[in-house]
């Protein structure tokens, strides 16, 4: 879709109101500017709708589940209704469970703790560390980075064909890369997993804020995502999907709420009867506000309409890509090629620039917040950069001369709350920094590149 085509559509969809949209920040060169938050892939700003809903509920906050008081019963209803809202948002099947966690990382660690004995796990090296590192007690097979959707499916099929077909197996795959923003062939990978007797969990941390996610339509067994990337940054996440492995596993945390009945034995020990519902893995006082904020964000995105949100985001993506393409020194990172569909996440390197230096200049001189580094996806970024895993880039000096390999990258990310001006300012800033250089001197402080204000 061309920029001009989407430009006509985006007029019907203004950015969704988010907190911080009017915040101003100081520039090292003098004056202030409205902050351009372009680090949505790390944490998206809270939707104003979410904040308003939480503020309206806060005076009625109470203990959940066993309280007899009115506020406790109100909070319990709100918490359980949030579970139903999330299940509807995710297109869950009738017998799926929705477990509230702290984040995507927490969700995947919970699932890892629930794996059957001798379960094999298959993970592409391109995954976020949450997916790469959660499976400590399982036998993990790491798959090489594919360069096309077809290669991804074929690589998985070969790996699954070589395993013991009678043992349990799990595939973990992202829906959208947190480095390149590229969409993965989730439905095809799920079909391949099931054809070989394996199950699949979808890391939807970067997908759910940008595209509709349906557990049933994609054919995945579980989906995990974080509230703080879904415009609900109140410390909550979700693991949703098949109940059997979760019901048969020991509770993720042992304690009140997870236990249905506890009795003393004559030998001095205790017998515990655990819940079989989602409560089995939600011991302790739950994060009611976190769960409610996720449900509020789910409703807000659904009511805004993903078709409209996706169309406008494509318009912003093309605006950024077109602007970066005009700067020859910039190289956008990609696994599947320039034409691959993606969400609003792009990573790039700039010839002759240290990534931390470039990101610091964007912040200090233009009021633009991006991210630099390896983005908790070290193997993927190093594969894309062709860099030595034993080498770390220093933040204070140029890390790569023109033509040399960069050690880190810069990531720009945006979403439903991003106005046109933010991406336009970003593109202009990239062009000016490459053409004219930074206006300020920078130094290393605690491993970060910062403006040198000592003069």
Protein backbone atom coordinates (compact mmCIF):
# COMPACT_ATOMS: atom_id res chain seq x y z
CA UNK A 1 0.00 0.00 0.00
CA UNK A 2 1.45 3.38 -0.94
CA UNK A 3 1.85 6.32 1.40
CA UNK A 4 -0.67 8.35 -0.58
CA UNK A 5 -3.25 5.56 -0.39
CA UNK A 6 -2.99 5.23 3.38
CA UNK A 7 -2.80 8.97 3.86
CA UNK A 8 -6.40 9.23 2.74
CA UNK A 9 -7.45 6.56 5.24
CA UNK A 10 -5.54 7.87 8.22
CA UNK A 11 -7.55 11.09 8.33
CA UNK A 12 -10.46 9.12 9.85
CA UNK A 13 -8.25 7.84 12.67
CA UNK A 14 -6.49 10.35 14.84
CA UNK A 15 -3.91 9.01 17.30
CA UNK A 16 -5.54 7.50 20.36
CA UNK A 17 -5.12 9.80 23.39
CA UNK A 18 -2.25 8.67 25.61
CA UNK A 19 -0.66 9.99 28.78
CA UNK A 20 2.38 12.17 28.22
CA UNK A 21 1.30 13.47 24.83
CA UNK A 22 1.79 17.08 26.02
CA UNK A 23 4.91 16.55 28.15
CA UNK A 24 7.76 18.88 27.26
CA UNK A 25 11.45 18.09 27.78
CA UNK A 26 14.52 20.36 27.82
CA UNK A 27 16.97 20.38 24.91
CA UNK A 28 20.68 20.58 25.58
CA UNK A 29 20.87 23.27 22.91
CA UNK A 30 18.32 25.39 24.79
CA UNK A 31 14.56 25.60 25.03
CA UNK A 32 11.99 22.83 25.32
CA UNK A 33 10.03 20.63 22.94
CA UNK A 34 7.12 18.22 23.20
CA UNK A 35 8.55 14.77 23.89
CA UNK A 36 8.37 12.33 20.97
CA UNK A 37 7.95 8.90 22.55
CA UNK A 38 9.24 6.48 19.91
CA UNK A 39 10.13 3.54 22.14
CA UNK A 40 6.74 1.79 22.17
CA UNK A 41 8.39 -1.62 21.72
CA UNK A 42 9.87 -1.30 25.21
CA UNK A 43 6.86 0.23 26.97
CA UNK A 44 3.94 2.01 25.35
CA UNK A 45 2.39 5.01 27.10
CA UNK A 46 -0.85 4.39 28.92
CA UNK A 47 -3.99 5.09 26.95
CA UNK A 48 -5.92 7.97 28.49
CA UNK A 49 -8.93 5.64 28.52
CA UNK A 50 -6.99 3.12 30.64
CA UNK A 51 -5.83 5.79 33.06
CA UNK A 52 -9.35 7.19 33.43
CA UNK A 53 -10.82 3.73 34.07
CA UNK A 54 -8.19 2.94 36.71
CA UNK A 55 -8.66 6.33 38.38
CA UNK A 56 -12.43 5.80 38.52
CA UNK A 57 -11.99 2.37 40.13
CA UNK A 58 -9.17 3.25 42.55
CA UNK A 59 -11.41 4.54 45.41
CA UNK A 60 -13.27 1.22 45.31
CA UNK A 61 -10.13 -0.94 45.46
CA UNK A 62 -10.50 -3.90 47.78
CA UNK A 63 -9.23 -7.42 48.48
CA UNK A 64 -10.12 -10.04 45.91
CA UNK A 65 -12.13 -13.27 46.18
CA UNK A 66 -12.71 -14.08 49.84
CA UNK A 67 -13.75 -10.71 51.27
CA UNK A 68 -17.37 -10.32 52.38
CA UNK A 69 -17.40 -6.54 52.11
CA UNK A 70 -18.92 -4.59 49.26
CA UNK A 71 -15.60 -3.28 47.91
CA UNK A 72 -14.08 -6.74 48.03
CA UNK A 73 -16.98 -8.20 46.08
CA UNK A 74 -16.82 -5.32 43.61
CA UNK A 75 -13.08 -5.86 43.10
CA UNK A 76 -13.58 -9.59 42.67
CA UNK A 77 -16.22 -9.04 40.00
CA UNK A 78 -13.97 -6.54 38.25
CA UNK A 79 -11.01 -8.94 38.34
CA UNK A 80 -12.96 -11.89 36.95
CA UNK A 81 -14.70 -9.74 34.34
CA UNK A 82 -11.25 -8.60 33.24
CA UNK A 83 -10.37 -12.25 32.69
CA UNK A 84 -13.42 -12.70 30.46
CA UNK A 85 -12.64 -9.50 28.54
CA UNK A 86 -9.10 -10.70 27.82
CA UNK A 87 -10.38 -14.11 26.73
CA UNK A 88 -12.73 -12.42 24.26
CA UNK A 89 -9.97 -10.07 23.03
CA UNK A 90 -7.72 -13.06 22.35
CA UNK A 91 -10.41 -15.19 20.70
CA UNK A 92 -9.89 -17.94 23.26
CA UNK A 93 -11.63 -21.29 23.03
CA UNK A 94 -14.36 -22.18 25.53
CA UNK A 95 -12.11 -24.37 27.69
CA UNK A 96 -9.01 -22.14 27.61
CA UNK A 97 -7.67 -20.55 30.80
CA UNK A 98 -6.56 -16.94 31.20
CA UNK A 99 -3.89 -16.56 33.86
CA UNK A 100 -2.80 -13.10 34.99
CA UNK A 101 0.96 -12.78 35.40
CA UNK A 102 3.46 -9.93 35.69
CA UNK A 103 4.62 -9.81 32.06
CA UNK A 104 5.37 -11.86 28.95
CA UNK A 105 8.59 -13.06 30.58
CA UNK A 106 6.66 -14.18 33.66
CA UNK A 107 4.06 -15.91 31.47
CA UNK A 108 6.66 -17.92 29.57
CA UNK A 109 8.47 -18.86 32.78
CA UNK A 110 5.14 -20.04 34.18
CA UNK A 111 4.56 -22.21 31.12
CA UNK A 112 8.13 -23.51 31.35
CA UNK A 113 7.44 -24.60 34.92
CA UNK A 114 4.34 -26.46 33.71
CA UNK A 115 6.03 -28.49 30.96
CA UNK A 116 5.61 -32.25 31.16
CA UNK A 117 8.64 -34.32 31.99
CA UNK A 118 11.11 -34.77 29.10
CA UNK A 119 9.42 -32.08 27.04
CA UNK A 120 11.44 -30.83 24.07
CA UNK A 121 11.33 -27.10 23.31
CA UNK A 122 12.07 -25.62 19.89
CA UNK A 123 12.95 -21.93 19.66
CA UNK A 124 14.36 -19.84 16.83
CA UNK A 125 17.52 -17.93 17.73
CA UNK A 126 15.68 -14.81 16.58
CA UNK A 127 13.50 -14.71 19.69
CA UNK A 128 13.49 -12.18 22.51
CA UNK A 129 15.35 -13.41 25.59
CA UNK A 130 12.01 -14.02 27.31
CA UNK A 131 11.48 -16.84 24.81
CA UNK A 132 15.10 -17.92 24.57
CA UNK A 133 15.93 -18.22 28.26
CA UNK A 134 12.76 -19.36 30.02
CA UNK A 135 13.21 -23.09 29.39
CA UNK A 136 16.00 -23.85 31.87
CA UNK A 137 14.82 -27.34 32.89
CA UNK A 138 13.80 -28.47 29.40
CA UNK A 139 15.77 -29.86 26.48
CA UNK A 140 15.95 -26.91 24.12
CA UNK A 141 16.74 -26.95 20.41
CA UNK A 142 17.70 -23.54 19.03
CA UNK A 143 16.88 -23.08 15.36
CA UNK A 144 18.89 -20.90 12.98
CA UNK A 145 17.48 -17.57 11.84
CA UNK A 146 15.32 -18.06 8.73
CA UNK A 147 15.39 -15.60 5.85
CA UNK A 148 11.81 -16.13 4.68
CA UNK A 149 8.47 -17.35 6.01
CA UNK A 150 8.84 -20.52 3.98
CA UNK A 151 12.28 -21.20 5.38
CA UNK A 152 10.95 -20.70 8.91
CA UNK A 153 8.27 -23.35 8.41
CA UNK A 154 10.65 -25.77 6.68
CA UNK A 155 13.28 -25.34 9.38
CA UNK A 156 10.76 -26.13 12.09
CA UNK A 157 9.37 -29.13 10.22
CA UNK A 158 12.86 -30.65 9.83
CA UNK A 159 13.63 -30.15 13.51
CA UNK A 160 10.35 -31.67 14.65
CA UNK A 161 10.72 -34.63 12.28
CA UNK A 162 14.04 -35.52 13.95
CA UNK A 163 12.62 -35.75 17.47
CA UNK A 164 11.02 -38.67 19.29
CA UNK A 165 7.42 -38.49 17.99
CA UNK A 166 6.04 -39.97 21.21
CA UNK A 167 7.42 -37.41 23.64
CA UNK A 168 5.90 -34.00 24.44
CA UNK A 169 7.21 -31.01 22.53
CA UNK A 170 6.63 -27.28 22.52
CA UNK A 171 7.42 -24.62 19.91
CA UNK A 172 7.85 -21.02 21.02
CA UNK A 173 7.66 -18.29 18.40
CA UNK A 174 7.12 -14.55 18.27
CA UNK A 175 4.26 -12.96 16.39
CA UNK A 176 6.24 -9.85 15.50
CA UNK A 177 9.95 -9.32 16.04
CA UNK A 178 10.89 -6.81 18.71
CA UNK A 179 13.95 -5.95 16.58
CA UNK A 180 12.71 -5.73 13.00
CA UNK A 181 8.95 -5.53 13.56
CA UNK A 182 8.47 -8.22 10.92
CA UNK A 183 5.43 -10.48 11.20
CA UNK A 184 6.03 -14.21 11.50
CA UNK A 185 3.94 -16.94 9.83
CA UNK A 186 2.27 -17.99 13.07
CA UNK A 187 -0.65 -19.89 11.55
CA UNK A 188 1.67 -21.94 9.30
CA UNK A 189 4.09 -22.65 12.15
CA UNK A 190 1.21 -23.75 14.37
CA UNK A 191 -0.02 -26.14 11.68
CA UNK A 192 3.49 -27.57 11.29
CA UNK A 193 3.83 -28.03 15.05
CA UNK A 194 0.52 -29.83 15.36
CA UNK A 195 1.23 -32.01 12.34
CA UNK A 196 4.27 -33.34 14.20
CA UNK A 197 2.50 -33.78 17.54
CA UNK A 198 3.91 -30.64 19.17
CA UNK A 199 2.24 -27.69 20.82
CA UNK A 200 3.01 -24.02 20.24
CA UNK A 201 3.06 -20.88 22.37
CA UNK A 202 2.89 -17.45 20.75
CA UNK A 203 4.89 -14.56 22.20
CA UNK A 204 2.46 -11.77 21.27
CA UNK A 205 4.19 -8.99 23.22
CA UNK A 206 4.86 -7.02 20.02
CA UNK A 207 1.89 -8.34 18.03
CA UNK A 208 -1.12 -7.80 20.29
CA UNK A 209 -0.73 -3.98 20.54
CA UNK A 210 -0.71 -3.66 16.73
CA UNK A 211 -2.79 -6.49 15.22
CA UNK A 212 -5.75 -8.63 16.29
CA UNK A 213 -4.71 -11.92 17.88
CA UNK A 214 -7.04 -14.93 17.93
CA UNK A 215 -5.92 -18.08 19.69
CA UNK A 216 -8.54 -20.11 17.84
CA UNK A 217 -7.95 -18.68 14.37
CA UNK A 218 -4.14 -18.87 14.59
CA UNK A 219 -4.34 -22.38 15.98
CA UNK A 220 -1.87 -21.75 18.81
CA UNK A 221 -2.05 -23.54 22.12
CA UNK A 222 -1.05 -20.56 24.28
CA UNK A 223 -0.46 -16.87 23.87
CA UNK A 224 1.54 -14.58 26.17
CA UNK A 225 1.73 -10.80 26.25
CA UNK A 226 2.46 -7.85 28.55
CA UNK A 227 0.20 -5.04 29.65
CA UNK A 228 2.95 -2.45 29.50
CA UNK A 229 3.25 -2.91 25.74
CA UNK A 230 -0.54 -2.88 25.31
CA UNK A 231 -0.94 0.69 26.64
CA UNK A 232 -1.61 -0.61 30.17
CA UNK A 233 1.66 -0.18 32.09
CA UNK A 234 0.57 -1.35 35.53
CA UNK A 235 2.74 -4.44 35.99
CA UNK A 236 0.52 -7.18 34.60
CA UNK A 237 0.64 -9.77 31.84
CA UNK A 238 -1.31 -12.71 30.48
CA UNK A 239 -0.82 -16.38 29.67
CA UNK A 240 -3.91 -17.74 27.92
CA UNK A 241 -4.59 -21.11 26.36
CA UNK A 242 -4.96 -24.82 26.98
CA UNK A 243 -5.69 -25.78 30.57
CA UNK A 244 -4.38 -29.35 30.79
CA UNK A 245 -0.62 -28.74 31.28
CA UNK A 246 -1.37 -25.84 33.62
CA UNK A 247 -3.87 -27.87 35.63
CA UNK A 248 -1.50 -30.83 36.00
CA UNK A 249 1.56 -28.79 36.98
CA UNK A 250 2.58 -27.77 40.46
CA UNK A 251 1.51 -24.18 41.22
CA UNK A 252 3.90 -21.60 39.84
CA UNK A 253 3.89 -19.99 43.30
CA UNK A 254 2.75 -21.80 46.44
CA UNK A 255 0.52 -19.87 48.80
CA UNK A 256 -2.87 -18.43 49.51
CA UNK A 257 -5.24 -18.20 46.58
CA UNK A 258 -3.65 -21.16 44.79
CA UNK A 259 -4.74 -23.58 47.49
CA UNK A 260 -8.30 -24.84 47.87
CA UNK A 261 -7.79 -26.85 51.08
CA UNK A 262 -4.86 -27.30 53.48
CA UNK A 263 -4.90 -29.81 56.37
CA UNK A 264 -2.38 -30.95 58.95
CA UNK A 265 -1.30 -34.57 58.92
CA UNK A 266 -0.67 -36.66 61.99
CA UNK A 267 3.02 -36.84 61.10
CA UNK A 268 3.28 -33.06 61.35
CA UNK A 269 3.21 -32.29 57.64
CA UNK A 270 0.44 -30.76 55.55
CA UNK A 271 -1.72 -31.96 52.71
CA UNK A 272 -2.68 -29.41 50.06
CA UNK A 273 -5.50 -29.51 47.55
CA UNK A 274 -4.71 -27.01 44.80
CA UNK A 275 -7.17 -25.18 42.59
CA UNK A 276 -7.55 -26.49 39.03
CA UNK A 277 -8.62 -23.11 37.65
CA UNK A 278 -6.35 -20.20 36.71
CA UNK A 279 -6.14 -19.40 40.44
CA UNK A 280 -3.74 -22.38 40.73
CA UNK A 281 -0.99 -20.14 39.32
CA UNK A 282 -2.09 -16.82 40.84
CA UNK A 283 -1.04 -17.24 44.48
CA UNK A 284 -1.01 -14.17 46.67
CA UNK A 285 -3.01 -10.98 46.32
CA UNK A 286 -3.49 -10.45 42.58
CA UNK A 287 -2.67 -7.26 40.73
CA UNK A 288 -6.29 -6.18 40.30
CA UNK A 289 -5.44 -2.80 38.84
CA UNK A 290 -3.01 -4.40 36.39
CA UNK A 291 -5.63 -6.90 35.24
CA UNK A 292 -8.30 -4.20 34.98
CA UNK A 293 -5.98 -1.94 32.99
CA UNK A 294 -5.30 -4.72 30.48
CA UNK A 295 -9.03 -5.31 30.08
CA UNK A 296 -9.56 -1.57 29.60
CA UNK A 297 -6.87 -1.47 26.90
CA UNK A 298 -8.41 -4.50 25.19
CA UNK A 299 -11.76 -2.74 25.06
CA UNK A 300 -10.26 0.53 23.83
CA UNK A 301 -8.34 -1.12 20.98
CA UNK A 302 -11.35 -3.22 19.98
CA UNK A 303 -13.65 -0.19 19.94
CA UNK A 304 -11.13 1.85 17.93
CA UNK A 305 -11.06 -0.97 15.35
CA UNK A 306 -7.90 -2.80 14.39
CA UNK A 307 -8.54 -2.30 10.68
CA UNK A 308 -8.33 1.45 11.16
CA UNK A 309 -5.40 1.25 13.59
CA UNK A 310 -3.43 -1.04 11.28
CA UNK A 311 -4.07 1.21 8.26
CA UNK A 312 -2.83 4.28 10.08
CA UNK A 313 0.22 2.45 11.41
CA UNK A 314 1.12 1.33 7.89
CA UNK A 315 0.99 4.98 6.89
CA UNK A 316 3.46 5.86 9.67
CA UNK A 317 5.70 2.91 8.80
CA UNK A 318 5.92 4.00 5.19
CA UNK A 319 6.63 7.57 6.25
CA UNK A 320 9.58 6.38 8.36
CA UNK A 321 10.88 3.92 5.79
CA UNK A 322 10.68 6.47 2.99
CA UNK A 323 12.54 9.03 5.08
CA UNK A 324 15.30 6.62 6.11
CA UNK A 325 15.68 5.41 2.51
CA UNK A 326 16.69 8.95 1.53
CA UNK A 327 19.76 8.74 3.81
CA UNK A 328 22.34 6.42 2.17
CA UNK A 329 24.28 6.02 5.42
CA UNK A 330 21.31 4.33 7.10
CA UNK A 331 20.74 0.58 6.85
CA UNK A 332 17.44 -0.83 8.12
CA UNK A 333 17.74 -4.35 9.56
CA UNK A 334 15.55 -7.11 8.17
CA UNK A 335 15.26 -10.89 8.16
CA UNK A 336 12.60 -11.32 5.51
CA UNK A 337 13.36 -8.42 3.16
CA UNK A 338 12.19 -4.84 2.70
CA UNK A 339 8.71 -5.86 1.52
CA UNK A 340 7.93 -8.06 4.53
CA UNK A 341 4.85 -6.96 6.49
CA UNK A 342 5.68 -5.48 9.88
CA UNK A 343 4.38 -3.58 12.86
CA UNK A 344 5.69 -0.17 13.88
CA UNK A 345 9.14 -1.36 14.94
CA UNK A 346 12.29 -0.70 12.87
CA UNK A 347 15.95 -1.07 13.80
CA UNK A 348 18.82 0.43 11.87
CA UNK A 349 22.49 1.36 11.93
CA UNK A 350 24.17 4.52 10.68
CA UNK A 351 27.60 4.35 9.03
CA UNK A 352 30.26 5.98 11.17
CA UNK A 353 28.02 6.47 14.18
CA UNK A 354 28.03 4.77 17.55
CA UNK A 355 24.42 3.73 18.17
CA UNK A 356 24.38 5.08 21.72
CA UNK A 357 25.83 8.39 20.52
CA UNK A 358 23.15 8.67 17.83
CA UNK A 359 20.32 7.83 20.24
CA UNK A 360 21.68 10.30 22.81
CA UNK A 361 21.77 13.07 20.20
CA UNK A 362 18.19 12.32 19.15
CA UNK A 363 17.12 12.73 22.76
CA UNK A 364 19.27 15.68 23.84
CA UNK A 365 18.97 17.77 20.67
CA UNK A 366 15.52 16.82 19.33
CA UNK A 367 13.51 15.51 22.30
CA UNK A 368 13.07 12.09 20.67
CA UNK A 369 13.12 8.89 22.74
CA UNK A 370 14.36 5.77 20.93
CA UNK A 371 16.33 2.72 22.08
CA UNK A 372 19.83 1.54 21.22
CA UNK A 373 21.71 -1.70 21.88
CA UNK A 374 20.79 -5.34 21.30
CA UNK A 375 17.17 -5.13 22.52
CA UNK A 376 17.20 -8.31 24.67
CA UNK A 377 17.59 -10.27 21.43
CA UNK A 378 21.37 -10.56 21.27
CA UNK A 379 21.67 -13.54 18.89
CA UNK A 380 19.26 -11.97 16.38
CA UNK A 381 20.86 -8.53 16.36
CA UNK A 382 24.34 -9.99 16.05
CA UNK A 383 23.16 -12.17 13.17
CA UNK A 384 21.69 -9.13 11.42
CA UNK A 385 24.80 -7.03 12.04
CA UNK A 386 27.34 -9.79 11.43
CA UNK A 387 29.09 -8.68 14.63
CA UNK A 388 31.39 -10.66 16.91
CA UNK A 389 29.47 -11.89 19.99
CA UNK A 390 32.66 -11.50 22.06
CA UNK A 391 32.83 -7.77 21.33
CA UNK A 392 30.82 -5.07 23.03
CA UNK A 393 30.43 -1.58 21.66
CA UNK A 394 31.59 1.29 23.84
CA UNK A 395 29.14 4.15 24.09
CA UNK A 396 31.52 7.06 24.22
CA UNK A 397 33.33 6.88 20.88
CA UNK A 398 32.39 6.12 17.28
CA UNK A 399 32.00 2.36 17.16
CA UNK A 400 32.27 1.84 13.39
CA UNK A 401 33.86 3.76 10.58
CA UNK A 402 31.98 3.97 7.26
CA UNK A 403 31.77 0.51 5.77
CA UNK A 404 32.68 -1.27 9.02
CA UNK A 405 30.29 -3.51 10.95
CA UNK A 406 28.29 -1.92 13.74
CA UNK A 407 28.14 -3.59 17.16
CA UNK A 408 24.73 -2.29 18.22
CA UNK A 409 21.64 -0.85 16.58
CA UNK A 410 19.06 1.89 17.03
CA UNK A 411 15.36 1.05 17.30
CA UNK A 412 12.42 3.34 16.60
CA UNK A 413 8.94 2.11 17.50
CA UNK A 414 5.49 3.64 17.54
CA UNK A 415 1.82 2.76 17.68
CA UNK A 416 -1.75 3.85 18.20
CA UNK A 417 -0.83 6.98 20.16
CA UNK A 418 1.85 8.33 17.83
CA UNK A 419 1.11 11.60 16.01
CA UNK A 420 2.50 12.34 12.55
CA UNK A 421 4.74 15.08 13.91
CA UNK A 422 6.75 12.65 16.02
CA UNK A 423 7.81 10.47 13.10
CA UNK A 424 8.33 13.51 10.88
CA UNK A 425 10.63 15.04 13.50
CA UNK A 426 12.48 11.74 13.79
CA UNK A 427 13.11 11.48 10.05
CA UNK A 428 14.26 15.08 9.92
CA UNK A 429 16.57 14.56 12.90
CA UNK A 430 18.19 11.49 11.34
CA UNK A 431 18.84 13.40 8.13
CA UNK A 432 20.31 16.39 9.97
CA UNK A 433 22.54 14.33 12.28
CA UNK A 434 23.96 12.37 9.36
CA UNK A 435 24.44 15.47 7.21
CA UNK A 436 25.54 18.05 9.78
CA UNK A 437 26.67 15.99 12.78
CA UNK A 438 25.72 16.49 16.40
CA UNK A 439 25.58 20.04 17.74
CA UNK A 440 26.89 18.99 21.16
CA UNK A 441 29.76 17.01 22.61
CA UNK A 442 29.02 13.71 24.33
CA UNK A 443 30.84 11.50 26.84
CA UNK A 444 30.44 8.10 28.48
CA UNK A 445 28.83 7.97 31.92
CA UNK A 446 27.97 4.65 33.59
CA UNK A 447 28.20 2.94 30.21
CA UNK A 448 25.83 5.36 28.52
CA UNK A 449 26.48 8.17 26.08
CA UNK A 450 25.30 11.48 27.55
CA UNK A 451 25.71 15.18 26.70
CA UNK A 452 28.93 16.62 28.09
CA UNK A 453 27.86 19.55 30.26
CA UNK A 454 31.18 19.94 32.04
CA UNK A 455 32.36 22.86 29.89
